[in-house]
Protein backbone atom coordinates (compact mmCIF):
# COMPACT_ATOMS: atom_id res chain seq x y z
CA MET A 1 91.47 91.24 74.26
CA PRO A 2 94.91 92.38 75.35
CA ARG A 3 97.78 90.08 74.48
CA ARG A 4 98.59 87.60 77.21
CA THR A 5 102.00 86.21 78.04
CA THR A 6 101.70 82.88 79.82
CA ILE A 7 104.06 80.88 81.99
CA ALA A 8 105.40 77.58 80.74
CA THR A 9 104.32 74.53 82.68
CA ALA A 10 106.31 71.47 83.54
CA ALA A 11 104.83 68.24 82.23
CA PRO A 12 103.22 65.96 84.82
CA ILE A 13 105.77 63.63 86.33
CA ALA A 14 105.16 60.05 87.43
CA ALA A 15 107.56 57.42 88.76
CA ALA A 16 108.03 54.63 91.27
CA LEU A 17 109.12 54.76 94.88
CA GLY A 18 109.63 52.25 97.63
CA PHE A 19 107.25 53.72 100.19
CA ALA A 20 106.41 51.16 102.84
CA THR A 21 102.84 52.35 102.73
CA MET A 22 100.95 51.09 99.67
CA LEU A 23 98.63 53.40 97.80
CA ALA A 24 95.08 52.16 97.49
CA ALA A 25 94.31 51.42 93.84
CA ALA A 26 90.69 52.55 93.87
CA PRO A 27 88.87 55.63 95.17
CA ALA A 28 87.02 55.36 98.44
CA GLN A 29 83.67 55.79 96.71
CA ALA A 30 82.64 55.60 93.09
CA GLN A 31 82.02 59.07 91.60
CA THR A 32 83.34 60.73 94.75
CA LEU A 33 86.45 62.89 94.64
CA THR A 34 88.23 63.60 97.93
CA ILE A 35 90.69 66.52 97.96
CA GLY A 36 93.23 67.27 100.69
CA SER A 37 93.59 71.03 101.16
CA ALA A 38 96.72 72.31 102.88
CA ALA A 39 95.10 75.43 104.34
CA PRO A 40 91.72 76.14 105.92
CA VAL A 41 88.77 77.58 104.05
CA THR A 42 87.59 80.33 106.39
CA THR A 43 84.26 81.16 104.74
CA ILE A 44 81.92 80.31 101.87
CA ASP A 45 81.25 84.02 101.30
CA PRO A 46 83.06 84.63 97.98
CA HIS A 47 83.54 88.36 98.68
CA PHE A 48 84.78 88.28 102.29
CA HIS A 49 88.53 87.57 102.01
CA ASN A 50 90.65 87.44 98.88
CA VAL A 51 92.87 84.48 99.76
CA GLY A 52 93.69 81.37 97.76
CA PRO A 53 91.93 78.60 99.75
CA ASN A 54 88.65 80.55 99.89
CA ASN A 55 88.86 81.44 96.20
CA ALA A 56 89.55 77.85 95.17
CA LEU A 57 86.61 76.49 97.13
CA THR A 58 84.09 79.13 96.05
CA MET A 59 84.99 78.50 92.38
CA HIS A 60 83.02 75.26 92.73
CA ILE A 61 79.83 77.01 93.85
CA PHE A 62 79.88 80.39 92.10
CA ASP A 63 80.84 81.54 88.62
CA ARG A 64 82.35 84.75 87.33
CA LEU A 65 81.55 86.70 84.18
CA VAL A 66 84.98 85.78 82.85
CA GLU A 67 86.98 82.74 83.87
CA ARG A 68 90.72 81.95 83.74
CA ASP A 69 92.26 78.62 82.89
CA GLY A 70 95.27 77.10 84.60
CA ARG A 71 97.63 79.40 82.73
CA ALA A 72 95.66 82.57 83.56
CA ARG A 73 94.16 82.86 80.07
CA PRO A 74 90.66 84.43 80.11
CA HIS A 75 87.63 82.78 78.52
CA PRO A 76 83.84 83.33 78.62
CA SER A 77 81.81 82.11 81.57
CA LEU A 78 78.61 83.86 82.73
CA ALA A 79 79.44 86.44 80.08
CA ALA A 80 79.18 84.76 76.70
CA SER A 81 81.09 87.60 75.03
CA TRP A 82 82.37 91.13 75.55
CA ARG A 83 83.54 94.03 73.43
CA VAL A 84 84.90 97.54 73.68
CA VAL A 85 82.19 100.03 72.71
CA SER A 86 84.45 103.05 73.27
CA ASP A 87 87.58 103.89 75.23
CA THR A 88 85.48 104.12 78.40
CA VAL A 89 82.68 101.61 77.80
CA TRP A 90 82.78 97.81 77.86
CA GLU A 91 79.74 95.76 76.83
CA PHE A 92 79.16 92.28 78.25
CA LYS A 93 76.60 89.89 76.78
CA LEU A 94 75.42 87.54 79.49
CA ARG A 95 74.84 83.87 78.86
CA GLU A 96 71.15 83.07 78.47
CA GLY A 97 69.42 80.06 79.98
CA VAL A 98 71.63 79.96 83.10
CA THR A 99 69.85 79.16 86.36
CA TRP A 100 70.82 79.43 89.99
CA HIS A 101 71.02 76.27 92.07
CA ASP A 102 67.42 76.84 93.18
CA GLY A 103 66.20 77.01 89.58
CA ARG A 104 65.63 80.75 89.30
CA PRO A 105 67.07 82.53 86.23
CA PHE A 106 70.36 84.44 86.23
CA THR A 107 70.03 88.00 84.91
CA ALA A 108 71.92 91.28 84.70
CA ASP A 109 70.28 92.41 87.93
CA ASP A 110 72.29 89.78 89.83
CA VAL A 111 75.51 91.28 88.45
CA VAL A 112 74.43 94.78 89.49
CA PHE A 113 73.67 93.47 92.99
CA THR A 114 77.03 91.70 93.18
CA PHE A 115 78.98 94.81 92.18
CA SER A 116 77.18 96.86 94.83
CA ARG A 117 77.92 94.32 97.56
CA VAL A 118 81.62 93.68 96.92
CA PRO A 119 82.98 96.95 98.44
CA ASN A 120 80.63 96.76 101.43
CA VAL A 121 81.18 93.35 103.04
CA ALA A 122 81.23 93.83 106.81
CA ASN A 123 84.50 93.09 108.63
CA SER A 124 86.29 91.97 105.48
CA PRO A 125 90.03 91.55 106.20
CA GLY A 126 90.88 92.08 102.51
CA GLY A 127 88.25 91.99 99.81
CA PHE A 128 87.78 92.28 96.06
CA GLN A 129 86.90 95.93 95.61
CA GLY A 130 90.14 96.61 93.73
CA PHE A 131 88.85 94.57 90.80
CA LEU A 132 85.87 96.94 90.39
CA ARG A 133 87.76 100.18 91.00
CA ALA A 134 87.57 101.35 87.38
CA ILE A 135 83.79 101.08 87.04
CA THR A 136 81.97 104.38 87.48
CA ARG A 137 78.53 103.25 86.31
CA VAL A 138 76.76 100.00 85.44
CA GLU A 139 74.20 100.36 82.67
CA VAL A 140 71.64 97.58 82.23
CA VAL A 141 70.73 97.48 78.54
CA ASP A 142 68.47 94.46 78.94
CA ALA A 143 68.24 91.32 81.07
CA HIS A 144 71.33 89.87 79.41
CA THR A 145 73.35 92.91 78.39
CA LEU A 146 75.48 95.18 80.59
CA ARG A 147 77.59 98.19 79.77
CA LEU A 148 80.34 99.09 82.21
CA HIS A 149 81.41 102.73 82.14
CA THR A 150 84.85 103.88 83.28
CA ALA A 151 86.40 107.29 83.80
CA ARG A 152 89.39 106.39 81.60
CA PRO A 153 90.41 103.48 79.39
CA HIS A 154 90.67 100.21 81.34
CA PRO A 155 92.11 97.37 79.22
CA LEU A 156 92.19 95.01 82.21
CA MET A 157 88.41 94.85 82.65
CA PRO A 158 87.91 91.20 81.57
CA LEU A 159 90.87 90.07 83.69
CA ASP A 160 89.59 92.01 86.71
CA LEU A 161 86.10 90.55 86.41
CA ALA A 162 87.58 87.04 86.41
CA SER A 163 88.19 87.57 90.14
CA VAL A 164 84.64 88.59 91.13
CA SER A 165 82.18 85.80 91.91
CA ILE A 166 78.59 86.57 90.93
CA ILE A 167 75.93 85.98 93.57
CA SER A 168 72.14 86.08 93.38
CA ARG A 169 70.13 89.04 94.60
CA HIS A 170 67.19 86.91 95.70
CA ALA A 171 69.34 84.65 97.91
CA ALA A 172 71.92 87.10 99.21
CA GLU A 173 70.24 90.48 99.59
CA GLY A 174 70.69 91.47 103.22
CA ALA A 175 72.76 88.36 103.88
CA ALA A 176 75.83 88.39 106.11
CA THR A 177 78.91 86.21 105.74
CA ASP A 178 77.45 83.73 108.23
CA ASP A 179 74.47 83.22 105.93
CA PHE A 180 76.83 81.93 103.25
CA ASN A 181 78.52 79.62 105.74
CA THR A 182 75.22 78.06 106.76
CA GLY A 183 74.30 77.61 103.11
CA ARG A 184 71.27 79.89 103.12
CA ALA A 185 72.87 82.48 100.83
CA ALA A 186 75.31 80.12 99.10
CA ILE A 187 73.13 79.75 96.00
CA GLY A 188 75.38 79.91 92.97
CA THR A 189 75.39 78.94 89.31
CA GLY A 190 78.53 76.82 89.61
CA PRO A 191 79.17 73.15 88.84
CA TYR A 192 78.66 72.11 92.47
CA ARG A 193 76.17 72.88 95.23
CA LEU A 194 77.16 73.36 98.84
CA ALA A 195 76.05 70.40 100.97
CA SER A 196 77.81 71.24 104.24
CA TYR A 197 80.59 73.39 105.64
CA ARG A 198 82.46 72.53 108.81
CA SER A 199 85.01 75.23 109.52
CA GLY A 200 88.53 73.89 109.85
CA ASP A 201 87.46 70.37 108.92
CA ARG A 202 85.76 69.83 105.57
CA ILE A 203 83.36 71.09 102.92
CA GLU A 204 81.05 68.72 101.09
CA MET A 205 79.53 69.50 97.70
CA THR A 206 77.20 67.74 95.31
CA ARG A 207 77.11 67.95 91.53
CA ASN A 208 74.90 70.54 89.82
CA ASP A 209 73.44 68.45 86.99
CA ALA A 210 71.95 71.59 85.41
CA TYR A 211 75.31 73.36 85.12
CA PHE A 212 75.48 75.36 81.89
CA GLY A 213 78.99 74.05 81.20
CA GLY A 214 77.91 70.43 81.40
CA ALA A 215 77.74 68.08 84.37
CA GLU A 216 81.03 67.23 86.07
CA PRO A 217 82.15 63.58 86.42
CA TRP A 218 82.05 63.69 90.23
CA ALA A 219 78.67 63.25 91.91
CA ARG A 220 80.20 64.38 95.18
CA VAL A 221 83.31 66.32 96.17
CA ASN A 222 84.72 66.12 99.68
CA TYR A 223 87.12 68.99 100.38
CA ARG A 224 89.06 68.05 103.50
CA ILE A 225 91.35 70.40 105.43
CA VAL A 226 94.60 68.56 106.21
CA ASN A 227 97.07 71.15 107.49
CA ASN A 228 99.80 68.73 108.48
CA ASP A 229 102.17 68.01 105.60
CA ALA A 230 103.02 64.44 106.61
CA ALA A 231 99.34 63.65 107.20
CA ARG A 232 98.40 64.79 103.68
CA THR A 233 100.98 62.55 102.07
CA ALA A 234 100.06 59.61 104.29
CA ALA A 235 96.36 60.03 103.53
CA LEU A 236 97.03 60.03 99.79
CA LEU A 237 99.15 56.90 100.02
CA ALA A 238 96.52 55.18 102.18
CA GLY A 239 93.82 55.93 99.60
CA ASP A 240 91.89 58.28 101.88
CA LEU A 241 92.55 61.22 99.53
CA ASP A 242 92.53 61.31 95.73
CA LEU A 243 94.45 64.57 95.33
CA ILE A 244 96.65 66.65 97.61
CA GLU A 245 98.05 70.14 97.13
CA GLN A 246 101.28 71.72 98.36
CA VAL A 247 103.22 68.47 98.25
CA PRO A 248 105.72 68.66 101.12
CA THR A 249 109.11 69.49 99.63
CA SER A 250 110.64 66.65 101.65
CA ASP A 251 108.31 64.18 99.88
CA LEU A 252 108.60 65.48 96.31
CA ALA A 253 111.50 63.30 95.16
CA ARG A 254 109.95 60.14 96.61
CA LEU A 255 106.48 60.82 95.23
CA ARG A 256 107.93 61.43 91.77
CA ARG A 257 109.25 57.86 91.90
CA GLU A 258 105.98 56.37 93.14
CA GLN A 259 104.34 54.49 90.25
CA ARG A 260 100.85 54.88 91.68
CA VAL A 261 101.06 58.64 92.06
CA THR A 262 101.42 61.44 89.53
CA VAL A 263 103.02 64.73 90.58
CA THR A 264 101.88 67.77 88.63
CA GLU A 265 103.61 71.14 88.84
CA ILE A 266 103.69 74.59 87.29
CA ALA A 267 105.51 77.88 87.84
CA SER A 268 103.53 79.82 90.43
CA THR A 269 102.32 83.38 90.38
CA ARG A 270 102.69 83.38 94.19
CA THR A 271 105.62 85.29 95.62
CA VAL A 272 106.80 85.34 99.24
CA TYR A 273 108.14 88.44 100.96
CA MET A 274 108.77 90.08 104.32
CA ALA A 275 106.37 92.97 104.99
CA PRO A 276 107.46 95.69 107.44
CA ASP A 277 104.83 97.74 109.23
CA TYR A 278 104.49 101.28 107.83
CA SER A 279 101.43 102.29 109.82
CA ARG A 280 103.46 103.70 112.74
CA ASP A 281 106.03 106.49 112.83
CA GLY A 282 106.96 105.84 116.41
CA GLY A 283 108.03 102.76 118.31
CA THR A 284 106.30 99.50 119.08
CA PRO A 285 107.01 96.83 121.73
CA LEU A 286 107.80 94.50 118.83
CA ILE A 287 110.87 96.57 117.82
CA THR A 288 113.25 97.45 120.66
CA ASP A 289 116.87 98.19 121.35
CA ASN A 290 119.01 95.43 122.83
CA ASN A 291 117.84 96.34 126.34
CA GLY A 292 114.21 95.86 125.44
CA THR A 293 113.29 99.56 125.20
CA PRO A 294 110.98 100.33 122.24
CA LEU A 295 112.66 102.38 119.53
CA THR A 296 111.43 105.94 119.22
CA VAL A 297 111.19 105.75 115.42
CA ASN A 298 110.11 103.12 112.93
CA PRO A 299 113.40 101.83 111.45
CA PHE A 300 111.74 100.34 108.38
CA LYS A 301 110.95 103.77 106.97
CA ASP A 302 114.69 104.20 106.41
CA PRO A 303 115.55 102.57 103.04
CA ARG A 304 119.06 101.80 104.34
CA VAL A 305 117.58 99.49 106.98
CA ARG A 306 115.43 97.69 104.41
CA ARG A 307 118.40 97.35 102.07
CA ALA A 308 120.53 95.96 104.89
CA LEU A 309 117.90 93.38 105.77
CA SER A 310 117.65 92.41 102.11
CA MET A 311 121.43 92.06 101.74
CA ALA A 312 121.48 89.76 104.78
CA ILE A 313 119.21 87.21 103.09
CA ASN A 314 120.78 84.29 101.25
CA ARG A 315 117.89 83.64 98.88
CA GLN A 316 119.57 80.80 97.06
CA GLY A 317 120.06 79.17 100.44
CA LEU A 318 116.31 79.48 101.04
CA VAL A 319 115.61 77.84 97.67
CA GLU A 320 118.02 74.96 98.17
CA GLN A 321 117.88 74.27 101.89
CA VAL A 322 114.34 75.27 102.91
CA MET A 323 112.38 74.78 99.69
CA GLU A 324 114.54 71.88 98.41
CA GLY A 325 114.48 73.33 94.91
CA ALA A 326 110.69 73.95 94.69
CA ALA A 327 111.12 77.72 94.29
CA THR A 328 113.28 80.39 92.68
CA ALA A 329 115.01 83.42 94.23
CA THR A 330 113.37 86.69 93.23
CA ALA A 331 113.28 90.46 93.63
CA GLN A 332 109.88 90.95 91.97
CA TRP A 333 106.31 89.71 92.24
CA LEU A 334 105.84 87.69 89.04
CA PRO A 335 107.71 84.69 87.65
CA GLU A 336 109.75 84.75 84.47
CA GLY A 337 107.56 84.83 81.35
CA ALA A 338 104.65 86.67 82.98
CA PHE A 339 103.27 89.93 81.56
CA GLY A 340 105.25 92.55 83.46
CA TYR A 341 108.23 90.45 84.54
CA ASN A 342 111.40 92.53 84.24
CA ALA A 343 114.31 90.40 83.04
CA ASP A 344 116.81 93.08 84.07
CA VAL A 345 115.88 92.91 87.76
CA ARG A 346 117.75 90.44 89.94
CA PRO A 347 117.75 89.87 93.71
CA ARG A 348 120.13 91.98 95.77
CA ALA A 349 123.43 90.16 96.32
CA TYR A 350 123.96 88.33 99.60
CA ASP A 351 126.38 90.53 101.56
CA PRO A 352 126.11 90.27 105.37
CA GLU A 353 129.17 92.44 105.99
CA GLY A 354 127.79 95.16 103.75
CA ALA A 355 124.48 94.82 105.58
CA LYS A 356 126.20 95.49 108.93
CA ARG A 357 127.82 98.62 107.53
CA LEU A 358 124.48 99.92 106.23
CA LEU A 359 122.81 99.31 109.60
CA ALA A 360 125.57 101.29 111.31
CA GLU A 361 125.19 104.08 108.78
CA ALA A 362 121.45 104.18 109.53
CA GLY A 363 122.17 104.58 113.24
CA TYR A 364 121.97 100.96 114.39
CA PRO A 365 125.59 99.83 114.84
CA ASN A 366 124.44 97.30 117.44
CA GLY A 367 121.32 96.32 115.58
CA PHE A 368 117.98 96.02 117.38
CA ARG A 369 115.44 93.42 118.49
CA LEU A 370 112.47 92.43 116.36
CA THR A 371 109.50 90.05 116.44
CA ILE A 372 108.45 88.46 113.15
CA HIS A 373 104.98 86.98 112.77
CA THR A 374 104.21 84.22 110.29
CA PRO A 375 101.52 81.64 109.63
CA ASN A 376 102.64 78.05 110.11
CA ASP A 377 100.03 76.25 108.02
CA ARG A 378 99.20 78.46 105.03
CA TRP A 379 102.01 78.36 102.43
CA PRO A 380 104.65 75.71 101.75
CA ASN A 381 107.32 75.86 104.48
CA ASP A 382 106.03 79.24 105.65
CA ALA A 383 107.29 79.07 109.25
CA ARG A 384 110.54 77.41 108.15
CA LEU A 385 111.22 80.27 105.74
CA ALA A 386 110.56 82.82 108.48
CA GLN A 387 112.90 81.02 110.87
CA ALA A 388 115.63 80.88 108.24
CA VAL A 389 115.33 84.62 107.54
CA ALA A 390 115.38 85.30 111.28
CA GLN A 391 118.67 83.43 111.63
CA MET A 392 120.19 85.41 108.74
CA TRP A 393 119.09 88.73 110.25
CA THR A 394 120.40 87.74 113.67
CA ARG A 395 123.86 87.28 112.13
CA ILE A 396 123.97 91.00 111.24
CA GLY A 397 122.87 92.12 114.70
CA VAL A 398 119.07 92.22 114.30
CA ARG A 399 118.04 89.77 116.99
CA VAL A 400 114.81 88.18 115.85
CA GLN A 401 112.10 86.26 117.64
CA VAL A 402 109.60 84.38 115.45
CA GLU A 403 105.98 83.93 116.48
CA ALA A 404 104.29 81.36 114.24
CA LEU A 405 100.49 81.12 114.30
CA PRO A 406 97.81 79.01 112.64
CA TRP A 407 96.34 80.85 109.65
CA THR A 408 92.97 81.31 111.31
CA ALA A 409 94.67 83.10 114.23
CA PHE A 410 97.17 84.97 112.05
CA VAL A 411 94.63 86.71 109.78
CA PRO A 412 92.53 88.64 112.36
CA ARG A 413 95.64 90.12 113.96
CA ARG A 414 97.03 91.00 110.54
CA ALA A 415 93.78 92.79 109.71
CA ARG A 416 94.22 94.87 112.88
CA ILE A 417 97.78 95.81 111.76
CA GLU A 418 99.35 94.28 114.87
CA TYR A 419 102.60 93.05 113.31
CA ALA A 420 105.89 94.95 113.15
CA MET A 421 107.18 92.53 110.51
CA GLN A 422 105.28 89.69 108.93
CA MET A 423 106.02 87.02 106.38
CA ALA A 424 103.49 87.39 103.60
CA ALA A 425 102.71 86.01 100.17
CA TRP A 426 100.62 87.10 97.20
CA GLY A 427 99.44 85.18 94.16
CA SER A 428 98.76 87.43 91.16
CA SER A 429 95.87 85.43 89.76
CA THR A 430 95.60 87.56 86.61
CA GLY A 431 99.18 86.77 85.62
CA GLU A 432 99.76 90.49 84.90
CA GLY A 433 101.73 93.10 86.83
CA SER A 434 98.72 95.17 87.88
CA ASN A 435 97.29 92.64 90.32
CA PHE A 436 99.97 92.98 92.98
CA LEU A 437 100.39 96.72 92.42
CA VAL A 438 96.71 97.58 92.82
CA ASN A 439 95.78 95.21 95.62
CA THR A 440 98.90 94.83 97.74
CA LEU A 441 101.27 97.75 97.09
CA ALA A 442 98.94 100.65 96.26
CA THR A 443 97.83 102.88 99.13
CA ASN A 444 94.92 101.48 101.12
CA ASN A 445 92.10 103.79 99.99
CA ARG A 446 88.46 102.83 100.32
CA GLN A 447 87.31 105.65 98.03
CA LEU A 448 89.65 104.66 95.20
CA LEU A 449 89.18 100.95 95.99
CA THR A 450 92.92 100.33 96.02
CA GLY A 451 95.20 98.52 98.47
CA ALA A 452 92.49 96.24 99.85
CA ASN A 453 95.17 93.69 100.74
CA ASN A 454 97.89 96.19 101.67
CA ASN A 455 98.44 94.73 105.13
CA ALA A 456 101.75 96.56 105.59
CA ARG A 457 100.03 99.93 105.04
CA PHE A 458 102.83 101.06 102.76
CA SER A 459 102.04 104.18 100.74
CA GLY A 460 104.14 105.42 97.86
CA ALA A 461 102.98 108.05 95.38
CA ALA A 462 105.16 106.65 92.58
CA PHE A 463 103.66 103.17 92.90
CA ASP A 464 100.13 104.58 93.04
CA ALA A 465 100.88 106.46 89.83
CA PHE A 466 102.25 103.33 88.13
CA ALA A 467 99.12 101.39 89.09
CA ALA A 468 96.79 104.09 87.77
CA GLN A 469 98.75 104.75 84.60
CA GLY A 470 99.35 101.14 83.66
CA SER A 471 95.77 100.09 84.32
CA SER A 472 94.49 102.70 81.88
CA THR A 473 97.02 102.10 79.09
CA LEU A 474 95.46 100.25 76.15
CA ASP A 475 98.66 99.62 74.22
CA ASP A 476 100.12 96.29 75.42
CA GLU A 477 103.73 97.20 74.75
CA ARG A 478 103.49 100.50 76.60
CA ARG A 479 101.57 98.93 79.50
CA GLU A 480 104.21 96.25 79.95
CA ALA A 481 106.91 98.94 79.89
CA ILE A 482 105.11 100.66 82.77
CA TRP A 483 105.07 97.42 84.76
CA HIS A 484 108.82 97.06 84.05
CA GLU A 485 109.45 100.54 85.44
CA ALA A 486 107.41 99.78 88.53
CA VAL A 487 109.30 96.53 89.14
CA ALA A 488 112.66 98.27 88.76
CA LEU A 489 111.73 100.95 91.30
CA TYR A 490 110.33 98.30 93.64
CA ALA A 491 113.58 96.33 93.54
CA GLN A 492 115.54 99.51 94.24
CA GLU A 493 113.46 100.79 97.16
CA GLU A 494 112.29 97.41 98.52
CA PRO A 495 109.20 98.56 100.41
CA LEU A 496 108.55 94.83 100.76
CA ILE A 497 111.54 92.49 100.91
CA GLN A 498 111.11 89.76 98.31
CA LEU A 499 112.29 86.23 99.08
CA ILE A 500 111.19 83.53 96.62
CA GLN A 501 108.70 82.55 93.92
CA TYR A 502 107.01 79.20 94.51
CA VAL A 503 106.58 76.27 92.18
CA ASN A 504 103.06 74.87 92.67
CA THR A 505 102.84 71.11 93.18
CA TRP A 506 100.09 68.49 93.54
CA ALA A 507 100.00 64.71 93.79
CA VAL A 508 97.09 62.71 92.38
CA ARG A 509 96.39 58.99 92.58
CA ARG A 510 96.88 56.84 89.52
CA GLY A 511 93.85 56.67 87.25
CA LEU A 512 93.17 60.40 87.45
CA THR A 513 94.50 63.34 85.48
CA HIS A 514 95.04 66.78 86.96
CA GLU A 515 95.56 70.20 85.35
CA PRO A 516 97.98 72.29 87.45
CA ARG A 517 97.21 75.97 87.85
CA MET A 518 99.53 78.96 88.08
CA ASP A 519 97.19 80.49 90.66
CA GLU A 520 97.70 77.39 92.88
CA ARG A 521 93.96 76.78 93.21
CA THR A 522 92.95 73.18 93.75
CA ILE A 523 89.62 72.53 92.06
CA ALA A 524 87.62 69.41 91.29
CA MET A 525 86.95 70.77 87.79
CA GLY A 526 90.62 70.19 86.98
CA VAL A 527 90.50 66.48 87.86
CA ARG A 528 89.23 63.82 85.46
CA PRO A 529 89.24 60.03 85.29
CA ALA A 530 92.16 59.19 83.02
CA ALA A 531 89.90 57.34 80.55
CA ALA A 532 87.86 60.52 80.04
CA ARG A 533 90.67 62.17 78.06
């Protein structure tokens, strides 16, 4: 296995606070865990949309060949072991004796079926095909042995496969995404079975007592969608929820003093950035001059405009005033300590006067008008961050209007490339530099299976080359050097304008322990009764 560099975690913090509302001392039901999710789960189909809430939920129902722990370290799951046969062949030994929720055996044929389905999910707004891009042929040696052939060396294979949920051929062949949502095709091997799914409200799951990893302590898991920050905190304190994610930054200090609550936190692999639209050369009604006339050219294709917008952002102000310290300013897509983080790259200095001069040099001495789109219920303080950036840009002459949408309304329009500028975020679940490069920055190319989540439609030959070269470099030291080069060029050209790196936070009621995850996923498998440890 390639060497992994992991991110240090802060120890769980617990303390007392004088909240008027008292926290219930016992769970609502014995052996039932109730989780408060901050963002909606939009489908049970594990291959439809590569976004955090969906991935966290489907981890309960489906397994992957390789799994990652809370610090992004890989370990065996449905694959009991793997080895490099040659520079272009990986062999995976599948775990024997595993059964699907309906009792039928798991075999190599299910993996073959899964790999064939992933690139072909209808209407997917951003799927998982990038994780299978290196595989040219799947060879079935026997019912529990697979050999994956690649055109060139691919050291990231185990890490890539940790993002692909395995589904059953017999339950899912011919199934559409709706068939997963109704439960008909949602037959997994995971620790929980789907009981019911109510979009935008809750998902209920029951324990899989035959799980190959051993039965979980919770007979039932209720996964409730609670978008409102204040409502999540109130529900935890009232005893209606056992665990909440994305602790509101305004509540962090108080919850850390609350004796009946434990706050857990860890440096996040999720970065937040502004994403200009590169799909158009000409104008759009969302970018106009000060009289409201659409510009004849796309200003974001001029690096001077991007640099000016970056210089106008007071990132430390975002960290302190919007995020209340629960983030760090950044110019790259991984946090310090991750494999590929470039210690020599720092955010561009805050210089609004210099930004005005650059805009004038680019031909916009009076600025222009712009509409920013952002979700308002997906990431911590998402709409607040967008509003703060809008105010900073307005000060240099770029008059900004912000349109904030619920996540479920934001995503379909994003998939249709309707935004001139959007606030976006990406969590590199592998903890290595390739994840963002291949999925978000590389050119959107269905044949090469790259850029599946490149919603800005940026295309840069140098970044495509870095992604291809780094992904096929076996030597760890050389591969990390490639990621460093890519990060340095990214910070120089700023095709996407980086803002902050999150710190992931949760709050759990007393009597439970929780393992925080760098990938921000909230899973019942990370929660245990305190006495169990």
